[in-house]
Protein backbone atom coordinates (compact mmCIF):
# COMPACT_ATOMS: atom_id res chain seq x y z
CA MET A 1 -9.36 93.40 14.47
CA SER A 2 -10.14 89.78 15.29
CA ALA A 3 -12.47 87.56 13.31
CA PRO A 4 -15.99 87.21 14.68
CA LYS A 5 -16.54 84.18 16.87
CA GLU A 6 -18.72 81.41 15.50
CA GLU A 7 -21.97 80.99 17.36
CA LYS A 8 -22.22 77.74 19.31
CA LYS A 9 -25.36 75.83 18.52
CA GLY A 10 -25.47 73.55 21.55
CA LYS A 11 -28.38 71.46 22.73
CA TYR A 12 -31.86 72.71 22.01
CA PHE A 13 -35.32 72.18 23.44
CA THR A 14 -38.92 72.17 22.27
CA LEU A 15 -42.24 71.67 23.99
CA ALA A 16 -43.47 68.10 23.62
CA PRO A 17 -46.20 67.53 21.01
CA ALA A 18 -49.82 67.04 22.03
CA ALA A 19 -49.65 63.25 21.51
CA ILE A 20 -47.05 62.94 24.28
CA HIS A 21 -49.16 65.07 26.64
CA LYS A 22 -52.16 62.87 25.82
CA LEU A 23 -50.19 59.71 26.65
CA CYS A 24 -48.96 61.32 29.86
CA LYS A 25 -52.51 62.20 30.89
CA GLU A 26 -53.66 58.62 30.21
CA LEU A 27 -50.82 57.23 32.35
CA VAL A 28 -51.59 59.65 35.17
CA GLN A 29 -55.23 58.58 35.16
CA LEU A 30 -54.30 54.87 35.06
CA TYR A 31 -51.40 54.65 37.49
CA HIS A 32 -50.84 57.95 39.30
CA THR A 33 -54.16 58.73 40.95
CA ASP A 34 -52.67 61.17 43.48
CA LEU A 35 -51.26 63.28 40.67
CA ASP A 36 -54.65 63.14 38.98
CA SER A 37 -56.63 63.93 42.15
CA ALA A 38 -54.39 66.89 43.03
CA ALA A 39 -54.60 68.19 39.41
CA VAL A 40 -50.82 68.22 39.10
CA LYS A 41 -49.69 69.99 35.93
CA VAL A 42 -46.82 68.17 34.23
CA ASP A 43 -44.76 70.12 31.69
CA ILE A 44 -43.00 67.97 29.09
CA VAL A 45 -40.00 69.21 27.15
CA MET A 46 -38.00 67.47 24.43
CA ALA A 47 -34.19 67.82 24.45
CA PHE A 48 -32.04 67.38 21.34
CA HIS A 49 -28.27 67.01 21.11
CA ASP A 50 -25.96 69.51 19.48
CA PRO A 51 -25.85 68.39 15.83
CA GLU A 52 -22.20 69.43 15.65
CA GLY A 53 -21.22 67.92 19.00
CA ASP A 54 -20.85 64.40 20.26
CA SER A 55 -22.85 64.51 23.48
CA PHE A 56 -26.30 63.07 24.03
CA ALA A 57 -29.41 65.20 24.47
CA LEU A 58 -29.68 64.11 28.11
CA GLU A 59 -26.90 62.81 30.31
CA LYS A 60 -26.45 62.08 34.00
CA ASP A 61 -23.09 61.11 35.48
CA GLY A 62 -21.73 60.68 31.96
CA HIS A 63 -24.44 58.23 30.89
CA ARG A 64 -27.23 58.80 28.42
CA CYS A 65 -30.68 59.31 29.94
CA LEU A 66 -33.92 59.00 28.04
CA GLY A 67 -35.82 61.07 30.59
CA ILE A 68 -35.31 63.29 33.62
CA ALA A 69 -37.95 64.30 36.16
CA SER A 70 -37.71 67.54 38.14
CA ASN A 71 -39.72 69.95 40.24
CA ILE A 72 -40.58 73.42 39.03
CA THR A 73 -39.78 76.26 41.42
CA LEU A 74 -42.45 78.51 42.89
CA LYS A 75 -40.97 81.43 40.93
CA ASN A 76 -41.51 79.54 37.65
CA ARG A 77 -44.98 78.41 38.74
CA VAL A 78 -45.83 82.10 39.20
CA LYS A 79 -44.79 82.57 35.55
CA GLY A 80 -47.38 79.98 34.50
CA MET A 81 -45.26 76.86 34.29
CA GLY A 82 -46.46 73.52 35.61
CA ASP A 83 -45.85 71.87 38.96
CA CYS A 84 -43.22 69.45 37.70
CA GLU A 85 -41.38 68.70 34.48
CA ILE A 86 -40.37 65.71 32.41
CA LEU A 87 -37.46 66.25 30.06
CA LEU A 88 -37.32 63.61 27.31
CA ASP A 89 -34.53 62.70 24.89
CA GLY A 90 -36.07 63.92 21.65
CA ASP A 91 -33.36 62.20 19.60
CA ALA A 92 -34.42 58.79 20.96
CA TRP A 93 -38.18 59.27 21.34
CA ASP A 94 -39.32 58.64 17.76
CA GLY A 95 -37.26 55.44 17.58
CA LEU A 96 -38.90 53.89 20.64
CA PRO A 97 -41.81 51.47 20.24
CA ASP A 98 -45.10 52.78 21.71
CA LYS A 99 -44.91 50.44 24.71
CA GLN A 100 -41.43 51.71 25.58
CA LYS A 101 -42.62 55.31 25.25
CA ALA A 102 -45.40 54.57 27.73
CA ALA A 103 -42.97 52.81 30.09
CA LEU A 104 -40.51 55.73 29.92
CA LEU A 105 -43.21 58.31 30.69
CA ASP A 106 -44.58 56.10 33.48
CA HIS A 107 -41.06 55.84 34.94
CA GLU A 108 -40.65 59.60 35.01
CA LEU A 109 -44.14 60.11 36.48
CA GLU A 110 -43.27 57.63 39.25
CA HIS A 111 -40.71 60.16 40.51
CA PHE A 112 -43.50 62.63 41.39
CA GLU A 113 -45.29 62.36 44.69
CA VAL A 114 -47.80 64.86 46.03
CA LYS A 115 -46.74 65.99 49.51
CA ARG A 116 -49.21 65.28 52.32
CA ASP A 117 -49.61 66.79 55.76
CA LYS A 118 -49.65 64.76 58.98
CA VAL A 119 -53.31 63.78 58.54
CA GLY A 120 -52.87 62.79 54.90
CA ASN A 121 -54.25 65.85 53.10
CA PHE A 122 -52.47 67.20 50.02
CA MET A 123 -50.19 70.16 50.68
CA PHE A 124 -50.27 73.28 48.49
CA ASP A 125 -47.98 76.23 47.81
CA ASP A 126 -48.82 79.95 47.96
CA LEU A 127 -50.52 79.66 44.55
CA THR A 128 -52.67 76.77 45.82
CA ARG A 129 -50.77 74.44 43.51
CA PRO A 130 -49.92 70.96 44.86
CA LEU A 131 -46.47 70.57 46.37
CA ILE A 132 -44.48 67.80 44.71
CA LYS A 133 -41.56 65.87 46.11
CA LEU A 134 -39.28 63.75 43.98
CA ARG A 135 -39.15 60.05 44.76
CA PRO A 136 -35.80 58.35 44.29
CA HIS A 137 -35.60 55.08 42.39
CA ASP A 138 -36.57 52.02 44.37
CA ARG A 139 -33.23 50.53 43.38
CA GLN A 140 -30.04 52.17 42.24
CA VAL A 141 -27.29 50.03 40.77
CA GLY A 142 -23.70 51.24 40.56
CA PHE A 143 -21.79 48.89 38.34
CA PHE A 144 -18.22 48.58 37.09
CA ASP A 145 -17.91 45.82 34.51
CA ASN A 146 -14.20 45.32 35.21
CA VAL A 147 -14.79 44.79 38.94
CA ALA A 148 -17.56 42.28 38.20
CA ARG A 149 -15.28 40.44 35.76
CA ARG A 150 -12.35 40.35 38.18
CA HIS A 151 -14.21 39.47 41.36
CA ARG A 152 -17.41 37.85 40.06
CA SER A 153 -19.72 36.82 42.93
CA ASP A 154 -17.47 38.57 45.50
CA SER A 155 -18.12 41.96 43.89
CA MET A 156 -20.89 44.25 45.08
CA GLU A 157 -21.82 44.63 41.42
CA VAL A 158 -22.82 40.98 41.08
CA GLU A 159 -24.26 40.95 44.62
CA GLN A 160 -26.62 43.83 43.73
CA LEU A 161 -27.94 41.92 40.73
CA ARG A 162 -28.24 38.70 42.74
CA LYS A 163 -30.29 40.43 45.46
CA MET A 164 -32.56 42.08 42.91
CA PHE A 165 -33.18 38.74 41.25
CA ILE A 166 -33.91 36.94 44.52
CA GLU A 167 -36.22 39.69 45.83
CA ALA A 168 -38.26 40.13 42.68
CA GLY A 169 -37.50 37.08 40.61
CA GLN A 170 -38.40 37.23 36.99
CA VAL A 171 -39.81 40.77 37.18
CA TYR A 172 -36.38 42.31 36.65
CA LEU A 173 -34.58 39.63 34.69
CA PRO A 174 -37.18 37.53 32.89
CA PHE A 175 -34.59 36.16 30.47
CA VAL A 176 -32.47 34.62 33.27
CA GLN A 177 -33.30 30.99 34.08
CA ASP A 178 -31.30 30.60 37.30
CA LEU A 179 -28.55 32.21 39.32
CA GLY A 180 -25.85 29.89 38.04
CA ASP A 181 -25.00 28.43 41.46
CA GLY A 182 -28.00 26.17 41.97
CA GLU A 183 -30.35 28.78 43.47
CA GLU A 184 -33.48 29.59 41.57
CA GLY A 185 -35.37 32.87 41.64
CA GLU A 186 -39.14 33.14 41.72
CA LYS A 187 -40.80 32.29 38.46
């Protein structure tokens, strides 16, 4: 007879506390008026890493994420879940300053967009819940440090950062004074 297998603990999840839902509601009312007008229900879940493992609570493409936004299927809406979900890194959350918590939640909310028909009216599912589509990031940066080091301004890594700086100036990189080659971004 073989020895019993040890149970794997793995990652675990909890519903977010009321304070996080309150902050989310405030951000929706301030910055996401379509979500507010359509009465979008946002579920918020906290993810925690495996205490005996070495992975993060949330990861994407091998990198730690502090939040992930996703849609909730019609089947799960029928079960009483919300319209969309924000998954937060519960291991990191308590260590973030309040302003960073608000910025993180705002970032995840920015992914949600209420679908509209051809004349601009909100679209709804069979449960008369608003249909949500996920917005991609306005900018996505793929970066290999070694390539940037080897090829500097000839690399697409450095070119991506240069373009971001020129297009938006100090919004993205407020600590950078100039581009290093005589060009100046907006200040």
